[in-house]
Amino acid sequence: MDLLGNDLLQYASHKGEAKAVEPLYKTAILGFLAGVYISLGYLLYFKVMSSITTDLNALIGALFFPIGLLLIVVAGGELFTGNILELSLGFYLKVISFKDMVKNWLVVLIFNAIGAMLTAFCAGSVMHFVTNQNRDVLEHMVLSKIDASPLEMIVSGIFCNVLVTLAIWLADSSQSHISKMVLIWPPVAAFVFLGFQHSVANVFLLTMGMNSGLNSLWEMLFNLFFVVVGNLVGGALVVGGMYAMAYKGDSVHVTTTDDVAEVINQ
């Protein structure tokens, strides 16, 4: 069963409601896993960027990155940037409180970061993905993030999460795993190819950079503050806010969490 308009709005908002009342341990575990999955996607992107010398390396790398979000959506995970959409929709439709929304975002972001930092440490310091031959590629990637101005970081974060939350919005519209994969891939590949900034991916990249002496902890935290602001605006206001305004008054067919469970099980 595919969902559109207000049905999709209701479905996504009740997914946000379900996430808001999850036990803390479950949110933490799924947040940690999502941080790992996004990092593995970025590691694939880095491997392609440092292995292929043609002008198409950025495009090919971007086509590999979406595997991270695909793993989160299908296998299970709580990603900060995706939760921005579903939790904000739950708040707009008054099925969760502002406090519960922000609590989920904070917990998920913290455990996303833990998963990303641990993956970066393992990739850089244990498995030695960064070598003398590809360190310059990593340096270019790191500098493209930290050398941006605060305004550039915010705007880049906005456009990034417009595309990421649209990928979540599209994935929520279908219950077929094959359809979810097809729907997720283009928006995520697009944001990576365009170089937009994603908070959790940046935790992985800038932790790799710290391990290689390319940036400091302060530079990472400075970048993350502005990118998180941009991600919040892109997901909660641009995508979530506008779809909530557009579809809130339409006819409703999916209205309760029982309806959501029924749709999920079809």
C-alpha atoms as a PDB file:
ATOM      1  CA  MET A   1       0.000   0.000   0.000  1.00  0.00           C
ATOM      2  CA  ASP A   2       1.438   3.359  -1.047  1.00  0.00           C
ATOM      3  CA  LEU A   3       0.622   6.551   0.842  1.00  0.00           C
ATOM      4  CA  LEU A   4       0.336  10.124  -0.398  1.00  0.00           C
ATOM      5  CA  GLY A   5      -0.764  13.489   0.950  1.00  0.00           C
ATOM      6  CA  ASN A   6      -2.442  13.502   4.352  1.00  0.00           C
ATOM      7  CA  ASP A   7      -2.259   9.709   4.668  1.00  0.00           C
ATOM      8  CA  LEU A   8       1.528   9.923   4.380  1.00  0.00           C
ATOM      9  CA  LEU A   9       1.580  12.874   6.781  1.00  0.00           C
ATOM     10  CA  GLN A  10      -0.390  10.909   9.377  1.00  0.00           C
ATOM     11  CA  TYR A  11       1.731   7.804   8.903  1.00  0.00           C
ATOM     12  CA  ALA A  12       5.019   9.688   9.311  1.00  0.00           C
ATOM     13  CA  SER A  13       3.740  11.618  12.338  1.00  0.00           C
ATOM     14  CA  HIS A  14       2.669   8.427  14.104  1.00  0.00           C
ATOM     15  CA  LYS A  15       6.073   6.914  13.376  1.00  0.00           C
ATOM     16  CA  GLY A  16       7.453   9.951  15.172  1.00  0.00           C
ATOM     17  CA  GLU A  17       5.021   9.312  18.030  1.00  0.00           C
ATOM     18  CA  ALA A  18       6.211   5.704  18.307  1.00  0.00           C
ATOM     19  CA  LYS A  19       9.846   6.815  18.370  1.00  0.00           C
ATOM     20  CA  ALA A  20       9.140   9.418  21.058  1.00  0.00           C
ATOM     21  CA  VAL A  21       7.849   6.779  23.504  1.00  0.00           C
ATOM     22  CA  GLU A  22      10.501   4.148  22.857  1.00  0.00           C
ATOM     23  CA  PRO A  23      12.505   2.994  25.898  1.00  0.00           C
ATOM     24  CA  LEU A  24      15.750   4.912  26.269  1.00  0.00           C
ATOM     25  CA  TYR A  25      17.896   1.812  25.823  1.00  0.00           C
ATOM     26  CA  LYS A  26      16.229   1.049  22.476  1.00  0.00           C
ATOM     27  CA  THR A  27      16.685   4.613  21.220  1.00  0.00           C
ATOM     28  CA  ALA A  28      20.330   4.519  22.301  1.00  0.00           C
ATOM     29  CA  ILE A  29      21.055   1.186  20.593  1.00  0.00           C
ATOM     30  CA  LEU A  30      19.312   2.150  17.360  1.00  0.00           C
ATOM     31  CA  GLY A  31      20.999   5.563  17.444  1.00  0.00           C
ATOM     32  CA  PHE A  32      24.417   3.956  17.846  1.00  0.00           C
ATOM     33  CA  LEU A  33      23.751   1.566  14.953  1.00  0.00           C
ATOM     34  CA  ALA A  34      22.621   4.419  12.710  1.00  0.00           C
ATOM     35  CA  GLY A  35      25.841   6.287  13.440  1.00  0.00           C
ATOM     36  CA  VAL A  36      27.800   3.196  12.408  1.00  0.00           C
ATOM     37  CA  TYR A  37      25.761   2.672   9.236  1.00  0.00           C
ATOM     38  CA  ILE A  38      26.118   6.276   8.058  1.00  0.00           C
ATOM     39  CA  SER A  39      29.848   6.059   8.759  1.00  0.00           C
ATOM     40  CA  LEU A  40      30.176   2.888   6.694  1.00  0.00           C
ATOM     41  CA  GLY A  41      28.477   4.691   3.830  1.00  0.00           C
ATOM     42  CA  TYR A  42      30.929   7.576   4.180  1.00  0.00           C
ATOM     43  CA  LEU A  43      33.842   5.140   4.402  1.00  0.00           C
ATOM     44  CA  LEU A  44      32.752   3.661   1.073  1.00  0.00           C
ATOM     45  CA  TYR A  45      32.594   7.180  -0.349  1.00  0.00           C
ATOM     46  CA  PHE A  46      36.117   7.933   0.918  1.00  0.00           C
ATOM     47  CA  LYS A  47      37.451   4.642  -0.471  1.00  0.00           C
ATOM     48  CA  VAL A  48      36.055   5.435  -3.908  1.00  0.00           C
ATOM     49  CA  MET A  49      37.343   9.015  -3.796  1.00  0.00           C
ATOM     50  CA  SER A  50      40.852   7.811  -2.923  1.00  0.00           C
ATOM     51  CA  SER A  51      40.905   4.836  -5.318  1.00  0.00           C
ATOM     52  CA  ILE A  52      39.455   6.218  -8.543  1.00  0.00           C
ATOM     53  CA  THR A  53      41.403   8.956 -10.293  1.00  0.00           C
ATOM     54  CA  THR A  54      38.884   9.888 -12.982  1.00  0.00           C
ATOM     55  CA  ASP A  55      36.676  12.979 -12.921  1.00  0.00           C
ATOM     56  CA  LEU A  56      33.742  10.696 -12.091  1.00  0.00           C
ATOM     57  CA  ASN A  57      35.074   9.635  -8.694  1.00  0.00           C
ATOM     58  CA  ALA A  58      32.798  12.022  -6.771  1.00  0.00           C
ATOM     59  CA  LEU A  59      29.716  10.796  -8.642  1.00  0.00           C
ATOM     60  CA  ILE A  60      30.621   7.130  -8.217  1.00  0.00           C
ATOM     61  CA  GLY A  61      31.366   7.674  -4.527  1.00  0.00           C
ATOM     62  CA  ALA A  62      28.043   9.464  -4.045  1.00  0.00           C
ATOM     63  CA  LEU A  63      26.238   6.471  -5.531  1.00  0.00           C
ATOM     64  CA  PHE A  64      27.733   4.217  -2.823  1.00  0.00           C
ATOM     65  CA  PHE A  65      26.979   6.462   0.162  1.00  0.00           C
ATOM     66  CA  PRO A  66      23.177   5.842   0.342  1.00  0.00           C
ATOM     67  CA  ILE A  67      23.744   2.301   1.588  1.00  0.00           C
ATOM     68  CA  GLY A  68      24.014   3.850   5.066  1.00  0.00           C
ATOM     69  CA  LEU A  69      20.482   5.264   5.072  1.00  0.00           C
ATOM     70  CA  LEU A  70      19.156   2.153   3.367  1.00  0.00           C
ATOM     71  CA  LEU A  71      20.488   0.024   6.230  1.00  0.00           C
ATOM     72  CA  ILE A  72      18.863   2.367   8.744  1.00  0.00           C
ATOM     73  CA  VAL A  73      15.454   2.339   7.079  1.00  0.00           C
ATOM     74  CA  VAL A  74      15.278  -1.389   6.321  1.00  0.00           C
ATOM     75  CA  ALA A  75      17.442  -3.061   8.973  1.00  0.00           C
ATOM     76  CA  GLY A  76      16.542  -0.560  11.702  1.00  0.00           C
ATOM     77  CA  GLY A  77      18.144   2.536  13.147  1.00  0.00           C
ATOM     78  CA  GLU A  78      17.447   5.995  14.557  1.00  0.00           C
ATOM     79  CA  LEU A  79      19.133   8.771  12.594  1.00  0.00           C
ATOM     80  CA  PHE A  80      19.073  12.334  13.889  1.00  0.00           C
ATOM     81  CA  THR A  81      18.471  13.942  10.504  1.00  0.00           C
ATOM     82  CA  GLY A  82      15.648  11.563   9.619  1.00  0.00           C
ATOM     83  CA  ASN A  83      14.050  11.835  13.063  1.00  0.00           C
ATOM     84  CA  ILE A  84      13.927  15.597  12.621  1.00  0.00           C
ATOM     85  CA  LEU A  85      11.182  15.048  10.048  1.00  0.00           C
ATOM     86  CA  GLU A  86       9.089  12.375  11.739  1.00  0.00           C
ATOM     87  CA  LEU A  87       9.289  13.842  15.250  1.00  0.00           C
ATOM     88  CA  SER A  88       8.530  17.373  14.040  1.00  0.00           C
ATOM     89  CA  LEU A  89       5.490  16.073  12.172  1.00  0.00           C
ATOM     90  CA  GLY A  90       4.349  14.353  15.361  1.00  0.00           C
ATOM     91  CA  PHE A  91       4.712  17.671  17.182  1.00  0.00           C
ATOM     92  CA  TYR A  92       2.872  19.630  14.495  1.00  0.00           C
ATOM     93  CA  LEU A  93      -0.022  17.157  14.600  1.00  0.00           C
ATOM     94  CA  LYS A  94       0.001  17.271  18.422  1.00  0.00           C
ATOM     95  CA  VAL A  95       0.658  13.583  19.018  1.00  0.00           C
ATOM     96  CA  ILE A  96       3.923  14.271  20.885  1.00  0.00           C
ATOM     97  CA  SER A  97       5.118  17.124  23.074  1.00  0.00           C
ATOM     98  CA  PHE A  98       7.915  19.566  22.300  1.00  0.00           C
ATOM     99  CA  LYS A  99       9.866  18.140  25.254  1.00  0.00           C
ATOM    100  CA  ASP A 100       9.612  14.559  23.964  1.00  0.00           C
ATOM    101  CA  MET A 101      10.605  15.678  20.470  1.00  0.00           C
ATOM    102  CA  VAL A 102      13.750  17.479  21.641  1.00  0.00           C
ATOM    103  CA  LYS A 103      14.644  14.648  24.048  1.00  0.00           C
ATOM    104  CA  ASN A 104      14.579  12.130  21.208  1.00  0.00           C
ATOM    105  CA  TRP A 105      16.656  14.375  18.973  1.00  0.00           C
ATOM    106  CA  LEU A 106      19.315  14.862  21.662  1.00  0.00           C
ATOM    107  CA  VAL A 107      19.580  11.192  22.601  1.00  0.00           C
ATOM    108  CA  VAL A 108      19.694  10.071  18.990  1.00  0.00           C
ATOM    109  CA  LEU A 109      22.278  12.705  18.030  1.00  0.00           C
ATOM    110  CA  ILE A 110      24.527  11.750  20.948  1.00  0.00           C
ATOM    111  CA  PHE A 111      24.451   8.041  20.130  1.00  0.00           C
ATOM    112  CA  ASN A 112      24.763   8.693  16.387  1.00  0.00           C
ATOM    113  CA  ALA A 113      27.927  10.619  17.237  1.00  0.00           C
ATOM    114  CA  ILE A 114      29.248   7.807  19.461  1.00  0.00           C
ATOM    115  CA  GLY A 115      28.700   5.272  16.687  1.00  0.00           C
ATOM    116  CA  ALA A 116      30.309   7.549  14.095  1.00  0.00           C
ATOM    117  CA  MET A 117      33.332   8.362  16.261  1.00  0.00           C
ATOM    118  CA  LEU A 118      33.935   4.706  17.131  1.00  0.00           C
ATOM    119  CA  THR A 119      33.709   3.719  13.460  1.00  0.00           C
ATOM    120  CA  ALA A 120      36.109   6.518  12.523  1.00  0.00           C
ATOM    121  CA  PHE A 121      38.583   5.391  15.182  1.00  0.00           C
ATOM    122  CA  CYS A 122      38.427   1.786  13.971  1.00  0.00           C
ATOM    123  CA  ALA A 123      38.740   2.790  10.314  1.00  0.00           C
ATOM    124  CA  GLY A 124      41.579   5.255  10.853  1.00  0.00           C
ATOM    125  CA  SER A 125      43.585   3.932  13.804  1.00  0.00           C
ATOM    126  CA  VAL A 126      42.904   0.187  13.717  1.00  0.00           C
ATOM    127  CA  MET A 127      42.300  -0.707  10.053  1.00  0.00           C
ATOM    128  CA  HIS A 128      44.469   2.137   8.667  1.00  0.00           C
ATOM    129  CA  PHE A 129      42.200   3.265   5.841  1.00  0.00           C
ATOM    130  CA  VAL A 130      44.106   6.568   5.808  1.00  0.00           C
ATOM    131  CA  THR A 131      47.561   6.149   4.281  1.00  0.00           C
ATOM    132  CA  ASN A 132      50.277   8.436   3.002  1.00  0.00           C
ATOM    133  CA  GLN A 133      48.852   7.939  -0.479  1.00  0.00           C
ATOM    134  CA  ASN A 134      45.279   9.051   0.288  1.00  0.00           C
ATOM    135  CA  ARG A 135      45.788  11.475   3.162  1.00  0.00           C
ATOM    136  CA  ASP A 136      45.543  14.409   0.756  1.00  0.00           C
ATOM    137  CA  VAL A 137      42.059  13.211  -0.308  1.00  0.00           C
ATOM    138  CA  LEU A 138      40.957  13.146   3.328  1.00  0.00           C
ATOM    139  CA  GLU A 139      42.489  16.586   3.871  1.00  0.00           C
ATOM    140  CA  HIS A 140      40.542  18.025   0.945  1.00  0.00           C
ATOM    141  CA  MET A 141      37.315  16.509   2.280  1.00  0.00           C
ATOM    142  CA  VAL A 142      37.933  17.805   5.812  1.00  0.00           C
ATOM    143  CA  LEU A 143      38.856  21.319   4.686  1.00  0.00           C
ATOM    144  CA  SER A 144      35.755  21.535   2.501  1.00  0.00           C
ATOM    145  CA  LYS A 145      33.728  21.222   5.729  1.00  0.00           C
ATOM    146  CA  ILE A 146      35.669  23.283   8.272  1.00  0.00           C
ATOM    147  CA  ASP A 147      36.795  26.111   5.965  1.00  0.00           C
ATOM    148  CA  ALA A 148      33.205  27.058   5.127  1.00  0.00           C
ATOM    149  CA  SER A 149      31.759  30.142   6.813  1.00  0.00           C
ATOM    150  CA  PRO A 150      29.033  29.682   9.469  1.00  0.00           C
ATOM    151  CA  LEU A 151      26.414  30.875   6.978  1.00  0.00           C
ATOM    152  CA  GLU A 152      27.664  28.418   4.364  1.00  0.00           C
ATOM    153  CA  MET A 153      27.535  25.604   6.944  1.00  0.00           C
ATOM    154  CA  ILE A 154      23.941  26.463   7.859  1.00  0.00           C
ATOM    155  CA  VAL A 155      22.717  26.778   4.276  1.00  0.00           C
ATOM    156  CA  SER A 156      24.555  23.606   3.255  1.00  0.00           C
ATOM    157  CA  GLY A 157      23.014  21.820   6.247  1.00  0.00           C
ATOM    158  CA  ILE A 158      19.554  23.039   5.232  1.00  0.00           C
ATOM    159  CA  PHE A 159      19.813  21.714   1.681  1.00  0.00           C
ATOM    160  CA  CYS A 160      21.379  18.481   2.927  1.00  0.00           C
ATOM    161  CA  ASN A 161      18.472  17.705   5.203  1.00  0.00           C
ATOM    162  CA  VAL A 162      15.890  18.786   2.680  1.00  0.00           C
ATOM    163  CA  LEU A 163      17.197  15.927   0.540  1.00  0.00           C
ATOM    164  CA  VAL A 164      17.665  13.460   3.422  1.00  0.00           C
ATOM    165  CA  THR A 165      14.200  14.043   4.861  1.00  0.00           C
ATOM    166  CA  LEU A 166      12.694  13.836   1.385  1.00  0.00           C
ATOM    167  CA  ALA A 167      14.365  10.419   1.129  1.00  0.00           C
ATOM    168  CA  ILE A 168      12.681   9.446   4.431  1.00  0.00           C
ATOM    169  CA  TRP A 169       9.368  10.942   3.268  1.00  0.00           C
ATOM    170  CA  LEU A 170       9.536   8.955   0.032  1.00  0.00           C
ATOM    171  CA  ALA A 171      10.549   5.758   1.854  1.00  0.00           C
ATOM    172  CA  ASP A 172       7.610   6.152   4.251  1.00  0.00           C
ATOM    173  CA  SER A 173       5.251   6.304   1.275  1.00  0.00           C
ATOM    174  CA  SER A 174       5.901   2.665   0.356  1.00  0.00           C
ATOM    175  CA  GLN A 175       6.000  -0.592   2.311  1.00  0.00           C
ATOM    176  CA  SER A 176       8.071  -2.472  -0.293  1.00  0.00           C
ATOM    177  CA  HIS A 177      11.743  -2.778   0.603  1.00  0.00           C
ATOM    178  CA  ILE A 178      12.701  -2.666  -3.060  1.00  0.00           C
ATOM    179  CA  SER A 179      10.688   0.521  -3.505  1.00  0.00           C
ATOM    180  CA  LYS A 180      12.293   2.054  -0.411  1.00  0.00           C
ATOM    181  CA  MET A 181      15.742   1.344  -1.838  1.00  0.00           C
ATOM    182  CA  VAL A 182      14.871   2.913  -5.186  1.00  0.00           C
ATOM    183  CA  LEU A 183      13.258   5.958  -3.542  1.00  0.00           C
ATOM    184  CA  ILE A 184      16.053   6.588  -1.023  1.00  0.00           C
ATOM    185  CA  TRP A 185      18.984   6.362  -3.402  1.00  0.00           C
ATOM    186  CA  PRO A 186      18.636   9.471  -5.635  1.00  0.00           C
ATOM    187  CA  PRO A 187      18.077  12.176  -2.951  1.00  0.00           C
ATOM    188  CA  VAL A 188      20.901  10.873  -0.752  1.00  0.00           C
ATOM    189  CA  ALA A 189      23.326  10.459  -3.652  1.00  0.00           C
ATOM    190  CA  ALA A 190      22.429  13.990  -4.741  1.00  0.00           C
ATOM    191  CA  PHE A 191      23.287  15.624  -1.415  1.00  0.00           C
ATOM    192  CA  VAL A 192      26.617  13.790  -1.254  1.00  0.00           C
ATOM    193  CA  PHE A 193      27.561  14.660  -4.833  1.00  0.00           C
ATOM    194  CA  LEU A 194      26.635  18.312  -4.251  1.00  0.00           C
ATOM    195  CA  GLY A 195      28.803  18.428  -1.116  1.00  0.00           C
ATOM    196  CA  PHE A 196      26.064  19.417   1.336  1.00  0.00           C
ATOM    197  CA  GLN A 197      26.848  19.007   5.025  1.00  0.00           C
ATOM    198  CA  HIS A 198      25.288  16.241   7.126  1.00  0.00           C
ATOM    199  CA  SER A 199      25.869  16.425  10.881  1.00  0.00           C
ATOM    200  CA  VAL A 200      26.356  12.707  11.570  1.00  0.00           C
ATOM    201  CA  ALA A 201      28.483  12.129   8.464  1.00  0.00           C
ATOM    202  CA  ASN A 202      30.595  15.122   9.514  1.00  0.00           C
ATOM    203  CA  VAL A 203      31.210  13.538  12.935  1.00  0.00           C
ATOM    204  CA  PHE A 204      32.716  10.541  11.157  1.00  0.00           C
ATOM    205  CA  LEU A 205      34.742  12.578   8.679  1.00  0.00           C
ATOM    206  CA  LEU A 206      36.086  15.105  11.189  1.00  0.00           C
ATOM    207  CA  THR A 207      36.951  12.369  13.689  1.00  0.00           C
ATOM    208  CA  MET A 208      38.972  10.725  10.910  1.00  0.00           C
ATOM    209  CA  GLY A 209      40.519  14.146  10.357  1.00  0.00           C
ATOM    210  CA  MET A 210      41.412  14.496  14.039  1.00  0.00           C
ATOM    211  CA  ASN A 211      43.016  11.048  14.017  1.00  0.00           C
ATOM    212  CA  SER A 212      45.166  12.215  11.094  1.00  0.00           C
ATOM    213  CA  GLY A 213      45.999  15.612  12.598  1.00  0.00           C
ATOM    214  CA  LEU A 214      43.999  17.552  10.012  1.00  0.00           C
ATOM    215  CA  ASN A 215      41.553  19.334  12.333  1.00  0.00           C
ATOM    216  CA  SER A 216      40.951  19.913  16.025  1.00  0.00           C
ATOM    217  CA  LEU A 217      38.077  18.933  18.302  1.00  0.00           C
ATOM    218  CA  TRP A 218      37.110  22.612  18.504  1.00  0.00           C
ATOM    219  CA  GLU A 219      36.913  22.856  14.702  1.00  0.00           C
ATOM    220  CA  MET A 220      34.666  19.793  14.637  1.00  0.00           C
ATOM    221  CA  LEU A 221      32.343  21.149  17.345  1.00  0.00           C
ATOM    222  CA  PHE A 222      32.225  24.572  15.663  1.00  0.00           C
ATOM    223  CA  ASN A 223      31.242  22.950  12.362  1.00  0.00           C
ATOM    224  CA  LEU A 224      28.674  20.652  13.961  1.00  0.00           C
ATOM    225  CA  PHE A 225      26.873  23.485  15.751  1.00  0.00           C
ATOM    226  CA  PHE A 226      26.057  25.312  12.523  1.00  0.00           C
ATOM    227  CA  VAL A 227      25.422  22.166  10.478  1.00  0.00           C
ATOM    228  CA  VAL A 228      22.990  20.867  13.119  1.00  0.00           C
ATOM    229  CA  VAL A 229      21.152  24.201  12.969  1.00  0.00           C
ATOM    230  CA  GLY A 230      20.909  23.877   9.188  1.00  0.00           C
ATOM    231  CA  ASN A 231      19.793  20.246   9.372  1.00  0.00           C
ATOM    232  CA  LEU A 232      17.052  21.215  11.843  1.00  0.00           C
ATOM    233  CA  VAL A 233      15.784  24.020   9.631  1.00  0.00           C
ATOM    234  CA  GLY A 234      15.837  21.862   6.489  1.00  0.00           C
ATOM    235  CA  GLY A 235      14.048  18.907   8.073  1.00  0.00           C
ATOM    236  CA  ALA A 236      11.674  20.464  10.607  1.00  0.00           C
ATOM    237  CA  LEU A 237      10.729  23.729   8.894  1.00  0.00           C
ATOM    238  CA  VAL A 238      11.251  23.357   5.154  1.00  0.00           C
ATOM    239  CA  VAL A 239      10.114  19.764   4.578  1.00  0.00           C
ATOM    240  CA  GLY A 240       8.205  18.930   7.765  1.00  0.00           C
ATOM    241  CA  GLY A 241       6.634  22.339   8.257  1.00  0.00           C
ATOM    242  CA  MET A 242       5.542  22.865   4.680  1.00  0.00           C
ATOM    243  CA  TYR A 243       4.057  19.402   4.210  1.00  0.00           C
ATOM    244  CA  ALA A 244       2.251  19.740   7.532  1.00  0.00           C
ATOM    245  CA  MET A 245       0.723  23.035   6.364  1.00  0.00           C
ATOM    246  CA  ALA A 246      -0.100  21.679   2.924  1.00  0.00           C
ATOM    247  CA  TYR A 247      -1.769  18.401   3.896  1.00  0.00           C
ATOM    248  CA  LYS A 248      -3.019  18.864   7.461  1.00  0.00           C
ATOM    249  CA  GLY A 249      -6.591  19.702   6.435  1.00  0.00           C
ATOM    250  CA  ASP A 250      -7.030  16.974   3.835  1.00  0.00           C
ATOM    251  CA  SER A 251      -9.102  13.810   4.292  1.00  0.00           C
ATOM    252  CA  VAL A 252      -7.563  11.218   6.601  1.00  0.00           C
ATOM    253  CA  HIS A 253      -7.413   7.449   6.179  1.00  0.00           C
ATOM    254  CA  VAL A 254      -4.440   6.611   8.420  1.00  0.00           C
ATOM    255  CA  THR A 255      -5.228   8.165  11.785  1.00  0.00           C
ATOM    256  CA  THR A 256      -4.001   5.962  14.621  1.00  0.00           C
ATOM    257  CA  THR A 257      -0.947   3.959  15.591  1.00  0.00           C
ATOM    258  CA  ASP A 258      -3.045   0.805  15.024  1.00  0.00           C
ATOM    259  CA  ASP A 259      -3.598   1.948  11.437  1.00  0.00           C
ATOM    260  CA  VAL A 260       0.135   2.519  11.110  1.00  0.00           C
ATOM    261  CA  ALA A 261       0.859  -0.993  12.391  1.00  0.00           C
ATOM    262  CA  GLU A 262      -1.675  -2.410   9.932  1.00  0.00           C
ATOM    263  CA  VAL A 263      -0.027  -0.576   7.047  1.00  0.00           C
ATOM    264  CA  ILE A 264       3.433  -1.715   8.141  1.00  0.00           C
ATOM    265  CA  ASN A 265       2.320  -5.345   8.292  1.00  0.00           C
ATOM    266  CA  GLN A 266       0.758  -5.373   4.820  1.00  0.00           C
END
